[in-house]
C-alpha atoms as a PDB file:
ATOM      1  CA  UNK A   1     -26.873 -10.352 -24.043  1.00  0.00           C
ATOM      2  CA  UNK A   2     -23.542  -8.590 -23.730  1.00  0.00           C
ATOM      3  CA  UNK A   3     -20.420  -8.274 -25.874  1.00  0.00           C
ATOM      4  CA  UNK A   4     -17.112  -9.718 -24.744  1.00  0.00           C
ATOM      5  CA  UNK A   5     -13.710 -10.737 -25.983  1.00  0.00           C
ATOM      6  CA  UNK A   6     -13.507 -14.510 -25.616  1.00  0.00           C
ATOM      7  CA  UNK A   7     -10.373 -16.657 -25.723  1.00  0.00           C
ATOM      8  CA  UNK A   8     -10.654 -20.327 -26.589  1.00  0.00           C
ATOM      9  CA  UNK A   9      -8.202 -23.133 -27.142  1.00  0.00           C
ATOM     10  CA  UNK A  10      -8.778 -26.514 -28.739  1.00  0.00           C
ATOM     11  CA  UNK A  11      -5.683 -28.632 -29.212  1.00  0.00           C
ATOM     12  CA  UNK A  12      -3.183 -26.115 -30.647  1.00  0.00           C
ATOM     13  CA  UNK A  13      -5.848 -23.793 -32.057  1.00  0.00           C
ATOM     14  CA  UNK A  14      -5.815 -20.607 -29.920  1.00  0.00           C
ATOM     15  CA  UNK A  15      -8.505 -18.035 -30.803  1.00  0.00           C
ATOM     16  CA  UNK A  16      -9.480 -14.603 -29.528  1.00  0.00           C
ATOM     17  CA  UNK A  17     -12.763 -13.223 -30.883  1.00  0.00           C
ATOM     18  CA  UNK A  18     -15.541 -10.763 -30.103  1.00  0.00           C
ATOM     19  CA  UNK A  19     -18.717 -12.605 -29.143  1.00  0.00           C
ATOM     20  CA  UNK A  20     -22.202 -11.999 -27.757  1.00  0.00           C
ATOM     21  CA  UNK A  21     -22.848 -13.884 -24.521  1.00  0.00           C
ATOM     22  CA  UNK A  22     -25.805 -14.385 -22.232  1.00  0.00           C
ATOM     23  CA  UNK A  23     -25.799 -13.682 -18.507  1.00  0.00           C
ATOM     24  CA  UNK A  24     -26.521 -17.366 -17.932  1.00  0.00           C
ATOM     25  CA  UNK A  25     -23.040 -18.155 -19.294  1.00  0.00           C
ATOM     26  CA  UNK A  26     -21.270 -16.334 -16.454  1.00  0.00           C
ATOM     27  CA  UNK A  27     -19.151 -18.480 -14.155  1.00  0.00           C
ATOM     28  CA  UNK A  28     -19.729 -18.203 -10.398  1.00  0.00           C
ATOM     29  CA  UNK A  29     -19.811 -14.802  -8.692  1.00  0.00           C
ATOM     30  CA  UNK A  30     -22.104 -12.813  -6.443  1.00  0.00           C
ATOM     31  CA  UNK A  31     -21.843  -9.317  -7.992  1.00  0.00           C
ATOM     32  CA  UNK A  32     -22.685  -8.413 -11.602  1.00  0.00           C
ATOM     33  CA  UNK A  33     -21.153  -5.195 -12.927  1.00  0.00           C
ATOM     34  CA  UNK A  34     -21.805  -3.057 -15.983  1.00  0.00           C
ATOM     35  CA  UNK A  35     -18.242  -2.395 -17.104  1.00  0.00           C
ATOM     36  CA  UNK A  36     -17.464   1.191 -18.091  1.00  0.00           C
ATOM     37  CA  UNK A  37     -13.709   0.986 -18.539  1.00  0.00           C
ATOM     38  CA  UNK A  38     -11.055  -1.705 -18.566  1.00  0.00           C
ATOM     39  CA  UNK A  39      -7.401  -1.451 -19.547  1.00  0.00           C
ATOM     40  CA  UNK A  40      -4.581  -3.213 -21.346  1.00  0.00           C
ATOM     41  CA  UNK A  41      -1.640  -4.514 -19.337  1.00  0.00           C
ATOM     42  CA  UNK A  42       1.327  -6.676 -20.276  1.00  0.00           C
ATOM     43  CA  UNK A  43      -0.481  -9.766 -19.007  1.00  0.00           C
ATOM     44  CA  UNK A  44      -3.557  -8.874 -21.091  1.00  0.00           C
ATOM     45  CA  UNK A  45      -1.326  -8.648 -24.153  1.00  0.00           C
ATOM     46  CA  UNK A  46       0.013 -12.134 -23.460  1.00  0.00           C
ATOM     47  CA  UNK A  47      -3.506 -13.499 -22.965  1.00  0.00           C
ATOM     48  CA  UNK A  48      -5.063 -11.892 -26.047  1.00  0.00           C
ATOM     49  CA  UNK A  49      -2.236 -12.872 -28.387  1.00  0.00           C
ATOM     50  CA  UNK A  50      -1.521 -16.282 -26.847  1.00  0.00           C
ATOM     51  CA  UNK A  51       2.207 -15.538 -26.849  1.00  0.00           C
ATOM     52  CA  UNK A  52       2.540 -16.939 -23.329  1.00  0.00           C
ATOM     53  CA  UNK A  53       0.222 -19.442 -21.574  1.00  0.00           C
ATOM     54  CA  UNK A  54      -1.162 -17.104 -18.906  1.00  0.00           C
ATOM     55  CA  UNK A  55      -4.776 -18.248 -19.385  1.00  0.00           C
ATOM     56  CA  UNK A  56      -5.541 -21.190 -17.091  1.00  0.00           C
ATOM     57  CA  UNK A  57      -9.150 -21.989 -18.106  1.00  0.00           C
ATOM     58  CA  UNK A  58     -11.133 -21.857 -21.330  1.00  0.00           C
ATOM     59  CA  UNK A  59     -13.241 -20.175 -22.481  1.00  0.00           C
ATOM     60  CA  UNK A  60     -11.823 -17.026 -20.902  1.00  0.00           C
ATOM     61  CA  UNK A  61     -12.751 -13.350 -21.005  1.00  0.00           C
ATOM     62  CA  UNK A  62      -9.440 -11.440 -20.613  1.00  0.00           C
ATOM     63  CA  UNK A  63      -8.887  -8.194 -18.743  1.00  0.00           C
ATOM     64  CA  UNK A  64      -7.161  -8.090 -15.356  1.00  0.00           C
ATOM     65  CA  UNK A  65      -9.013  -5.013 -14.132  1.00  0.00           C
ATOM     66  CA  UNK A  66     -12.163  -2.981 -14.714  1.00  0.00           C
ATOM     67  CA  UNK A  67     -14.331  -0.226 -13.271  1.00  0.00           C
ATOM     68  CA  UNK A  68     -18.080   0.209 -13.499  1.00  0.00           C
ATOM     69  CA  UNK A  69     -21.486   0.219 -11.822  1.00  0.00           C
ATOM     70  CA  UNK A  70     -23.051  -2.651  -9.928  1.00  0.00           C
ATOM     71  CA  UNK A  71     -26.082  -4.053 -11.731  1.00  0.00           C
ATOM     72  CA  UNK A  72     -26.992  -6.903  -9.348  1.00  0.00           C
ATOM     73  CA  UNK A  73     -25.577  -8.024  -6.011  1.00  0.00           C
ATOM     74  CA  UNK A  74     -25.989 -10.952  -3.676  1.00  0.00           C
ATOM     75  CA  UNK A  75     -23.104  -9.710  -1.545  1.00  0.00           C
ATOM     76  CA  UNK A  76     -23.996  -7.925   1.736  1.00  0.00           C
ATOM     77  CA  UNK A  77     -21.447  -5.133   1.217  1.00  0.00           C
ATOM     78  CA  UNK A  78     -22.561  -4.038  -2.257  1.00  0.00           C
ATOM     79  CA  UNK A  79     -25.782  -2.620  -3.697  1.00  0.00           C
ATOM     80  CA  UNK A  80     -26.939  -1.895  -7.270  1.00  0.00           C
ATOM     81  CA  UNK A  81     -25.805   1.513  -8.456  1.00  0.00           C
ATOM     82  CA  UNK A  82     -22.547   1.619  -6.522  1.00  0.00           C
ATOM     83  CA  UNK A  83     -19.363   2.560  -8.401  1.00  0.00           C
ATOM     84  CA  UNK A  84     -16.630  -0.028  -7.961  1.00  0.00           C
ATOM     85  CA  UNK A  85     -13.393  -1.322  -9.462  1.00  0.00           C
ATOM     86  CA  UNK A  86     -11.147  -4.362  -9.256  1.00  0.00           C
ATOM     87  CA  UNK A  87      -7.497  -5.243  -9.924  1.00  0.00           C
ATOM     88  CA  UNK A  88      -5.994  -8.708 -10.178  1.00  0.00           C
ATOM     89  CA  UNK A  89      -7.357 -11.665  -8.176  1.00  0.00           C
ATOM     90  CA  UNK A  90      -6.722 -13.911 -11.186  1.00  0.00           C
ATOM     91  CA  UNK A  91      -9.080 -12.056 -13.540  1.00  0.00           C
ATOM     92  CA  UNK A  92      -8.330 -12.891 -17.156  1.00  0.00           C
ATOM     93  CA  UNK A  93      -6.379 -15.973 -16.064  1.00  0.00           C
ATOM     94  CA  UNK A  94      -8.596 -18.129 -13.830  1.00  0.00           C
ATOM     95  CA  UNK A  95     -11.727 -15.970 -13.731  1.00  0.00           C
ATOM     96  CA  UNK A  96     -13.551 -13.989 -16.410  1.00  0.00           C
ATOM     97  CA  UNK A  97     -12.198 -10.467 -16.606  1.00  0.00           C
ATOM     98  CA  UNK A  98     -13.124  -6.971 -17.642  1.00  0.00           C
ATOM     99  CA  UNK A  99     -12.834  -6.835 -21.432  1.00  0.00           C
ATOM    100  CA  UNK A 100     -16.589  -7.183 -21.749  1.00  0.00           C
ATOM    101  CA  UNK A 101     -19.711  -5.099 -21.293  1.00  0.00           C
ATOM    102  CA  UNK A 102     -20.505  -7.028 -18.118  1.00  0.00           C
ATOM    103  CA  UNK A 103     -18.541  -8.935 -15.509  1.00  0.00           C
ATOM    104  CA  UNK A 104     -19.544 -11.189 -12.605  1.00  0.00           C
ATOM    105  CA  UNK A 105     -17.087 -11.543  -9.744  1.00  0.00           C
ATOM    106  CA  UNK A 106     -16.630 -12.295  -6.061  1.00  0.00           C
ATOM    107  CA  UNK A 107     -17.762  -9.221  -4.125  1.00  0.00           C
ATOM    108  CA  UNK A 108     -14.948  -9.677  -1.606  1.00  0.00           C
ATOM    109  CA  UNK A 109     -12.517  -8.563  -4.319  1.00  0.00           C
ATOM    110  CA  UNK A 110     -14.174  -5.227  -5.101  1.00  0.00           C
ATOM    111  CA  UNK A 111     -13.199  -1.761  -3.913  1.00  0.00           C
ATOM    112  CA  UNK A 112     -15.269   1.410  -3.965  1.00  0.00           C
ATOM    113  CA  UNK A 113     -13.918   4.069  -6.316  1.00  0.00           C
ATOM    114  CA  UNK A 114     -11.979   6.540  -4.111  1.00  0.00           C
ATOM    115  CA  UNK A 115     -13.545   9.918  -3.400  1.00  0.00           C
ATOM    116  CA  UNK A 116     -12.557  12.439  -6.031  1.00  0.00           C
ATOM    117  CA  UNK A 117     -11.754   9.850  -8.691  1.00  0.00           C
ATOM    118  CA  UNK A 118     -13.833   8.621 -11.649  1.00  0.00           C
ATOM    119  CA  UNK A 119     -14.095   5.195 -13.273  1.00  0.00           C
ATOM    120  CA  UNK A 120     -11.885   6.436 -16.096  1.00  0.00           C
ATOM    121  CA  UNK A 121      -9.223   7.772 -13.737  1.00  0.00           C
ATOM    122  CA  UNK A 122      -9.168   4.561 -11.707  1.00  0.00           C
ATOM    123  CA  UNK A 123      -8.554   2.575 -14.889  1.00  0.00           C
ATOM    124  CA  UNK A 124      -5.931   5.039 -16.044  1.00  0.00           C
ATOM    125  CA  UNK A 125      -4.033   4.157 -12.890  1.00  0.00           C
ATOM    126  CA  UNK A 126      -5.218   0.549 -13.109  1.00  0.00           C
ATOM    127  CA  UNK A 127      -3.173  -2.442 -12.062  1.00  0.00           C
ATOM    128  CA  UNK A 128       0.000  -0.765 -13.364  1.00  0.00           C
ATOM    129  CA  UNK A 129      -0.272   2.368 -11.222  1.00  0.00           C
ATOM    130  CA  UNK A 130      -1.490   0.412  -8.225  1.00  0.00           C
ATOM    131  CA  UNK A 131       1.508  -1.937  -8.567  1.00  0.00           C
ATOM    132  CA  UNK A 132       3.801   1.102  -8.738  1.00  0.00           C
ATOM    133  CA  UNK A 133       2.311   2.415  -5.494  1.00  0.00           C
ATOM    134  CA  UNK A 134       2.712  -0.964  -3.760  1.00  0.00           C
ATOM    135  CA  UNK A 135       6.383  -0.822  -4.757  1.00  0.00           C
ATOM    136  CA  UNK A 136       6.781   2.740  -3.487  1.00  0.00           C
ATOM    137  CA  UNK A 137       5.163   1.850  -0.170  1.00  0.00           C
ATOM    138  CA  UNK A 138       7.553  -1.114   0.148  1.00  0.00           C
ATOM    139  CA  UNK A 139      10.464   1.316  -0.231  1.00  0.00           C
ATOM    140  CA  UNK A 140       8.923   3.599   2.379  1.00  0.00           C
ATOM    141  CA  UNK A 141       8.323   0.757   4.849  1.00  0.00           C
ATOM    142  CA  UNK A 142      11.997  -0.126   4.537  1.00  0.00           C
ATOM    143  CA  UNK A 143      13.113   3.367   5.426  1.00  0.00           C
ATOM    144  CA  UNK A 144      13.668   4.974   2.026  1.00  0.00           C
ATOM    145  CA  UNK A 145      12.955   8.714   2.030  1.00  0.00           C
ATOM    146  CA  UNK A 146      13.761  11.520  -0.435  1.00  0.00           C
ATOM    147  CA  UNK A 147      16.808  12.259   1.721  1.00  0.00           C
ATOM    148  CA  UNK A 148      18.126   8.716   1.141  1.00  0.00           C
ATOM    149  CA  UNK A 149      19.171   9.518  -2.421  1.00  0.00           C
ATOM    150  CA  UNK A 150      18.058   8.792  -5.977  1.00  0.00           C
ATOM    151  CA  UNK A 151      15.582   6.062  -6.928  1.00  0.00           C
ATOM    152  CA  UNK A 152      15.966   4.114 -10.174  1.00  0.00           C
ATOM    153  CA  UNK A 153      12.894   3.046 -12.162  1.00  0.00           C
ATOM    154  CA  UNK A 154      13.380   0.447 -14.918  1.00  0.00           C
ATOM    155  CA  UNK A 155      10.933  -0.054 -17.779  1.00  0.00           C
ATOM    156  CA  UNK A 156      10.229   3.626 -17.374  1.00  0.00           C
ATOM    157  CA  UNK A 157       8.053   4.057 -20.473  1.00  0.00           C
ATOM    158  CA  UNK A 158       5.598   1.334 -19.457  1.00  0.00           C
ATOM    159  CA  UNK A 159       2.525   1.786 -17.295  1.00  0.00           C
ATOM    160  CA  UNK A 160       4.175   0.754 -14.020  1.00  0.00           C
ATOM    161  CA  UNK A 161       7.281   2.757 -14.784  1.00  0.00           C
ATOM    162  CA  UNK A 162       5.405   5.894 -15.845  1.00  0.00           C
ATOM    163  CA  UNK A 163       3.278   5.994 -12.707  1.00  0.00           C
ATOM    164  CA  UNK A 164       6.218   5.046 -10.478  1.00  0.00           C
ATOM    165  CA  UNK A 165       8.122   8.085 -11.780  1.00  0.00           C
ATOM    166  CA  UNK A 166       5.157  10.437 -11.404  1.00  0.00           C
ATOM    167  CA  UNK A 167       4.252   9.267  -7.890  1.00  0.00           C
ATOM    168  CA  UNK A 168       7.861   9.279  -6.649  1.00  0.00           C
ATOM    169  CA  UNK A 169       8.379  12.814  -7.946  1.00  0.00           C
ATOM    170  CA  UNK A 170       5.185  14.014  -6.255  1.00  0.00           C
ATOM    171  CA  UNK A 171       6.514  12.497  -3.022  1.00  0.00           C
ATOM    172  CA  UNK A 172       9.748  14.462  -3.374  1.00  0.00           C
ATOM    173  CA  UNK A 173      12.155  11.811  -4.694  1.00  0.00           C
ATOM    174  CA  UNK A 174      14.954  12.298  -7.218  1.00  0.00           C
ATOM    175  CA  UNK A 175      14.183   9.767  -9.962  1.00  0.00           C
ATOM    176  CA  UNK A 176      16.451   8.131 -12.522  1.00  0.00           C
ATOM    177  CA  UNK A 177      14.571   6.466 -15.402  1.00  0.00           C
ATOM    178  CA  UNK A 178      15.875   3.495 -17.390  1.00  0.00           C
ATOM    179  CA  UNK A 179      14.317   2.847 -20.805  1.00  0.00           C
ATOM    180  CA  UNK A 180      14.935   1.038 -24.059  1.00  0.00           C
ATOM    181  CA  UNK A 181      13.405   3.974 -25.895  1.00  0.00           C
ATOM    182  CA  UNK A 182      15.932   6.675 -25.168  1.00  0.00           C
ATOM    183  CA  UNK A 183      14.285   8.815 -27.864  1.00  0.00           C
ATOM    184  CA  UNK A 184      11.402   9.275 -25.423  1.00  0.00           C
ATOM    185  CA  UNK A 185      13.606  10.901 -22.783  1.00  0.00           C
ATOM    186  CA  UNK A 186      11.702  14.180 -22.948  1.00  0.00           C
ATOM    187  CA  UNK A 187       8.457  12.401 -22.092  1.00  0.00           C
ATOM    188  CA  UNK A 188      10.060  10.874 -19.003  1.00  0.00           C
ATOM    189  CA  UNK A 189      11.542  14.214 -17.968  1.00  0.00           C
ATOM    190  CA  UNK A 190       8.101  15.793 -18.260  1.00  0.00           C
ATOM    191  CA  UNK A 191       6.894  13.154 -15.789  1.00  0.00           C
ATOM    192  CA  UNK A 192       9.623  14.397 -13.472  1.00  0.00           C
ATOM    193  CA  UNK A 193      12.628  12.123 -14.039  1.00  0.00           C
ATOM    194  CA  UNK A 194      15.866  14.033 -13.387  1.00  0.00           C
ATOM    195  CA  UNK A 195      18.000  11.600 -15.373  1.00  0.00           C
ATOM    196  CA  UNK A 196      17.338   9.075 -18.164  1.00  0.00           C
ATOM    197  CA  UNK A 197      19.659   6.144 -18.897  1.00  0.00           C
ATOM    198  CA  UNK A 198      19.600   3.524 -21.655  1.00  0.00           C
ATOM    199  CA  UNK A 199      18.453   0.118 -20.467  1.00  0.00           C
ATOM    200  CA  UNK A 200      21.362  -1.466 -22.368  1.00  0.00           C
ATOM    201  CA  UNK A 201      23.619  -0.338 -19.504  1.00  0.00           C
ATOM    202  CA  UNK A 202      21.729  -2.758 -17.240  1.00  0.00           C
ATOM    203  CA  UNK A 203      20.420  -5.542 -19.465  1.00  0.00           C
ATOM    204  CA  UNK A 204      23.617  -7.551 -20.041  1.00  0.00           C
ATOM    205  CA  UNK A 205      25.587  -9.751 -17.650  1.00  0.00           C
ATOM    206  CA  UNK A 206      27.470  -7.561 -15.181  1.00  0.00           C
ATOM    207  CA  UNK A 207      29.633  -7.785 -12.083  1.00  0.00           C
ATOM    208  CA  UNK A 208      28.360  -9.123  -8.732  1.00  0.00           C
ATOM    209  CA  UNK A 209      28.979  -5.663  -7.238  1.00  0.00           C
ATOM    210  CA  UNK A 210      29.182  -2.339  -9.011  1.00  0.00           C
ATOM    211  CA  UNK A 211      29.493   1.265  -7.910  1.00  0.00           C
ATOM    212  CA  UNK A 212      26.959   2.330  -5.276  1.00  0.00           C
ATOM    213  CA  UNK A 213      24.709   4.555  -7.375  1.00  0.00           C
ATOM    214  CA  UNK A 214      21.072   4.487  -6.219  1.00  0.00           C
ATOM    215  CA  UNK A 215      19.470   4.379  -2.775  1.00  0.00           C
ATOM    216  CA  UNK A 216      16.573   2.288  -4.073  1.00  0.00           C
ATOM    217  CA  UNK A 217      14.948   0.985  -7.237  1.00  0.00           C
ATOM    218  CA  UNK A 218      11.665  -0.217  -8.681  1.00  0.00           C
ATOM    219  CA  UNK A 219      12.344  -2.930 -11.245  1.00  0.00           C
ATOM    220  CA  UNK A 220       9.873  -4.182 -13.844  1.00  0.00           C
ATOM    221  CA  UNK A 221      12.333  -6.261 -15.886  1.00  0.00           C
ATOM    222  CA  UNK A 222      13.854  -9.073 -13.834  1.00  0.00           C
ATOM    223  CA  UNK A 223      16.748 -11.146 -15.274  1.00  0.00           C
ATOM    224  CA  UNK A 224      20.103  -9.389 -15.796  1.00  0.00           C
ATOM    225  CA  UNK A 225      18.513  -5.990 -15.285  1.00  0.00           C
ATOM    226  CA  UNK A 226      17.407  -6.848 -11.755  1.00  0.00           C
ATOM    227  CA  UNK A 227      20.797  -8.402 -11.002  1.00  0.00           C
ATOM    228  CA  UNK A 228      22.641  -5.272 -12.170  1.00  0.00           C
ATOM    229  CA  UNK A 229      20.238  -3.010 -10.312  1.00  0.00           C
ATOM    230  CA  UNK A 230      20.934  -4.879  -7.064  1.00  0.00           C
ATOM    231  CA  UNK A 231      24.664  -4.618  -7.745  1.00  0.00           C
ATOM    232  CA  UNK A 232      24.368  -0.818  -7.994  1.00  0.00           C
ATOM    233  CA  UNK A 233      22.313  -0.141  -4.867  1.00  0.00           C
ATOM    234  CA  UNK A 234      23.933   1.766  -2.023  1.00  0.00           C
ATOM    235  CA  UNK A 235      24.558   0.236   1.375  1.00  0.00           C
ATOM    236  CA  UNK A 236      21.258  -0.500   3.159  1.00  0.00           C
ATOM    237  CA  UNK A 237      19.189   0.275   0.068  1.00  0.00           C
ATOM    238  CA  UNK A 238      16.029  -1.397  -1.196  1.00  0.00           C
ATOM    239  CA  UNK A 239      14.901  -2.879  -4.521  1.00  0.00           C
ATOM    240  CA  UNK A 240      11.190  -3.533  -5.181  1.00  0.00           C
ATOM    241  CA  UNK A 241      10.807  -6.209  -7.868  1.00  0.00           C
ATOM    242  CA  UNK A 242       7.443  -6.179  -9.613  1.00  0.00           C
ATOM    243  CA  UNK A 243       7.925  -7.390 -13.198  1.00  0.00           C
ATOM    244  CA  UNK A 244       9.608  -9.784 -15.605  1.00  0.00           C
ATOM    245  CA  UNK A 245       9.677  -7.959 -18.920  1.00  0.00           C
ATOM    246  CA  UNK A 246      13.229  -9.205 -19.580  1.00  0.00           C
ATOM    247  CA  UNK A 247      12.783 -12.608 -17.963  1.00  0.00           C
ATOM    248  CA  UNK A 248      11.898 -14.635 -14.871  1.00  0.00           C
ATOM    249  CA  UNK A 249      15.508 -15.553 -14.105  1.00  0.00           C
ATOM    250  CA  UNK A 250      17.644 -13.714 -11.553  1.00  0.00           C
ATOM    251  CA  UNK A 251      21.323 -14.337 -12.398  1.00  0.00           C
ATOM    252  CA  UNK A 252      22.785 -12.607  -9.355  1.00  0.00           C
ATOM    253  CA  UNK A 253      24.896 -13.455  -6.310  1.00  0.00           C
ATOM    254  CA  UNK A 254      24.434 -12.932  -2.582  1.00  0.00           C
ATOM    255  CA  UNK A 255      27.117 -10.205  -2.620  1.00  0.00           C
ATOM    256  CA  UNK A 256      24.792  -7.153  -2.589  1.00  0.00           C
ATOM    257  CA  UNK A 257      22.779  -8.680   0.239  1.00  0.00           C
ATOM    258  CA  UNK A 258      25.571  -9.769   2.589  1.00  0.00           C
ATOM    259  CA  UNK A 259      28.155  -7.088   1.793  1.00  0.00           C
ATOM    260  CA  UNK A 260      25.855  -4.070   1.454  1.00  0.00           C
ATOM    261  CA  UNK A 261      22.831  -5.220   3.421  1.00  0.00           C
ATOM    262  CA  UNK A 262      20.357  -4.373   0.692  1.00  0.00           C
ATOM    263  CA  UNK A 263      16.744  -5.585   0.736  1.00  0.00           C
ATOM    264  CA  UNK A 264      14.929  -7.186  -2.205  1.00  0.00           C
ATOM    265  CA  UNK A 265      11.180  -6.700  -1.745  1.00  0.00           C
ATOM    266  CA  UNK A 266       8.821  -8.747  -3.905  1.00  0.00           C
ATOM    267  CA  UNK A 267       5.671  -6.962  -5.080  1.00  0.00           C
ATOM    268  CA  UNK A 268       2.540  -8.984  -5.845  1.00  0.00           C
ATOM    269  CA  UNK A 269      -0.483  -7.006  -6.981  1.00  0.00           C
ATOM    270  CA  UNK A 270      -2.671  -9.997  -7.905  1.00  0.00           C
ATOM    271  CA  UNK A 271      -3.390 -11.578  -4.509  1.00  0.00           C
ATOM    272  CA  UNK A 272      -2.422  -8.597  -2.367  1.00  0.00           C
ATOM    273  CA  UNK A 273      -4.637  -8.359   0.770  1.00  0.00           C
ATOM    274  CA  UNK A 274      -7.488  -5.846   0.733  1.00  0.00           C
ATOM    275  CA  UNK A 275      -5.924  -3.741   3.503  1.00  0.00           C
ATOM    276  CA  UNK A 276      -2.758  -3.132   1.476  1.00  0.00           C
ATOM    277  CA  UNK A 277      -4.822  -2.375  -1.612  1.00  0.00           C
ATOM    278  CA  UNK A 278      -6.863   0.209   0.263  1.00  0.00           C
ATOM    279  CA  UNK A 279      -3.727   1.859   1.644  1.00  0.00           C
ATOM    280  CA  UNK A 280      -2.216   2.028  -1.842  1.00  0.00           C
ATOM    281  CA  UNK A 281      -5.330   3.543  -3.381  1.00  0.00           C
ATOM    282  CA  UNK A 282      -5.703   6.073  -0.563  1.00  0.00           C
ATOM    283  CA  UNK A 283      -2.245   7.407  -1.354  1.00  0.00           C
ATOM    284  CA  UNK A 284      -2.901   7.285  -5.098  1.00  0.00           C
ATOM    285  CA  UNK A 285      -6.067   9.378  -4.687  1.00  0.00           C
ATOM    286  CA  UNK A 286      -4.065  12.069  -2.872  1.00  0.00           C
ATOM    287  CA  UNK A 287      -1.499  12.278  -5.685  1.00  0.00           C
ATOM    288  CA  UNK A 288      -3.765  12.211  -8.734  1.00  0.00           C
ATOM    289  CA  UNK A 289      -4.490  15.178 -10.972  1.00  0.00           C
ATOM    290  CA  UNK A 290      -6.069  15.504 -14.453  1.00  0.00           C
ATOM    291  CA  UNK A 291      -2.794  16.645 -16.048  1.00  0.00           C
ATOM    292  CA  UNK A 292      -1.038  13.467 -14.888  1.00  0.00           C
ATOM    293  CA  UNK A 293      -3.861  11.294 -16.267  1.00  0.00           C
ATOM    294  CA  UNK A 294      -3.675  13.046 -19.636  1.00  0.00           C
ATOM    295  CA  UNK A 295       0.101  12.762 -19.887  1.00  0.00           C
ATOM    296  CA  UNK A 296       0.186   9.019 -19.191  1.00  0.00           C
ATOM    297  CA  UNK A 297      -3.031   7.658 -20.709  1.00  0.00           C
ATOM    298  CA  UNK A 298      -4.265   6.652 -24.160  1.00  0.00           C
ATOM    299  CA  UNK A 299      -7.954   5.721 -24.400  1.00  0.00           C
ATOM    300  CA  UNK A 300      -8.939   3.241 -27.109  1.00  0.00           C
ATOM    301  CA  UNK A 301     -12.297   1.841 -28.255  1.00  0.00           C
ATOM    302  CA  UNK A 302     -13.290  -1.716 -27.351  1.00  0.00           C
ATOM    303  CA  UNK A 303     -12.977  -2.743 -31.001  1.00  0.00           C
ATOM    304  CA  UNK A 304      -9.222  -1.949 -31.038  1.00  0.00           C
ATOM    305  CA  UNK A 305      -8.177  -4.212 -28.157  1.00  0.00           C
ATOM    306  CA  UNK A 306      -6.756  -7.104 -30.195  1.00  0.00           C
ATOM    307  CA  UNK A 307      -4.683  -4.781 -32.400  1.00  0.00           C
ATOM    308  CA  UNK A 308      -3.359  -2.838 -29.409  1.00  0.00           C
ATOM    309  CA  UNK A 309      -2.502  -6.048 -27.547  1.00  0.00           C
ATOM    310  CA  UNK A 310      -0.127  -6.947 -30.375  1.00  0.00           C
ATOM    311  CA  UNK A 311       1.378  -3.465 -30.404  1.00  0.00           C
ATOM    312  CA  UNK A 312       1.770  -3.645 -26.623  1.00  0.00           C
ATOM    313  CA  UNK A 313       3.975  -6.725 -26.824  1.00  0.00           C
ATOM    314  CA  UNK A 314       5.990  -5.186 -29.666  1.00  0.00           C
ATOM    315  CA  UNK A 315       6.938  -2.286 -27.387  1.00  0.00           C
ATOM    316  CA  UNK A 316       5.003   0.280 -29.422  1.00  0.00           C
ATOM    317  CA  UNK A 317       2.790   1.513 -26.570  1.00  0.00           C
ATOM    318  CA  UNK A 318       3.802   4.092 -23.980  1.00  0.00           C
ATOM    319  CA  UNK A 319       2.164   4.669 -20.600  1.00  0.00           C
ATOM    320  CA  UNK A 320      -1.306   3.380 -19.886  1.00  0.00           C
ATOM    321  CA  UNK A 321      -4.007   2.140 -22.282  1.00  0.00           C
ATOM    322  CA  UNK A 322      -7.603   2.497 -21.074  1.00  0.00           C
ATOM    323  CA  UNK A 323     -10.348   0.616 -22.914  1.00  0.00           C
ATOM    324  CA  UNK A 324     -13.687   2.399 -23.291  1.00  0.00           C
ATOM    325  CA  UNK A 325     -16.404  -0.255 -22.987  1.00  0.00           C
ATOM    326  CA  UNK A 326     -19.622   0.825 -24.736  1.00  0.00           C
ATOM    327  CA  UNK A 327     -22.971  -0.311 -23.356  1.00  0.00           C
ATOM    328  CA  UNK A 328     -24.648  -0.650 -26.752  1.00  0.00           C
END
């Protein structure tokens, strides 16, 4: 038996409860893992609360990432006792995820925990930090360097935004942070942001082209924010779009693209190929330090997940939330 958060839906009745399950109830998979840590992400908040229909199959165990120790394996690459982690691949949407004491998944999706990092640290970074690094590497592939000029990060107080700031600063970039919680400016400056602006300057309908302000940007908001960000990028700059906190729409024009030659790079962390994942995590491992983990991360007990999921969607949570999964 193992404990798990289970989401069910019958007609319009959407429930999310703690339950005890048997191993025989696992869906298909060739590697069984004792989960040590999971985390809470925006998508987990949507799944747990039912605010948005992200869950595709029922019953569902939420949790889009986890880290732990292999208990059983029928996969040739993995053996019992190995420390592994996973991000994305449809966990918590189409496949049972990591908010449980055990998980059973496709071994092709697993990665070994990088040298020098622990299960806790990997989940502190989690899907949010890994997405931030994918975005940074997209900027780098498109020629953005610290000498190019400032980089804007929207949704700066969230998990993606927090790690994007910290990683960019460690790589030598001048970072401008955009947030709806301007009262938390000091926190963002401690992460290394040189400037903090109110998201209200970007979140309303703007002009097709604005002043050329930033060399590049990492956007977690979408909608008018993304449109205004593109309108403020310097000639030849790059925007990495990785979120939709404001909305899925993109009310922009072609002006920034054909008059300034900017690039809009889409960032998908869910189905990203293994090779790109490995490259992202290799760079993450080089940039990590305990002080960064402590400044960004809140660790909560398994029993508090449902409450924190609600707080997450209400904008009351800063940085990363790691879930400590007990084994008894």
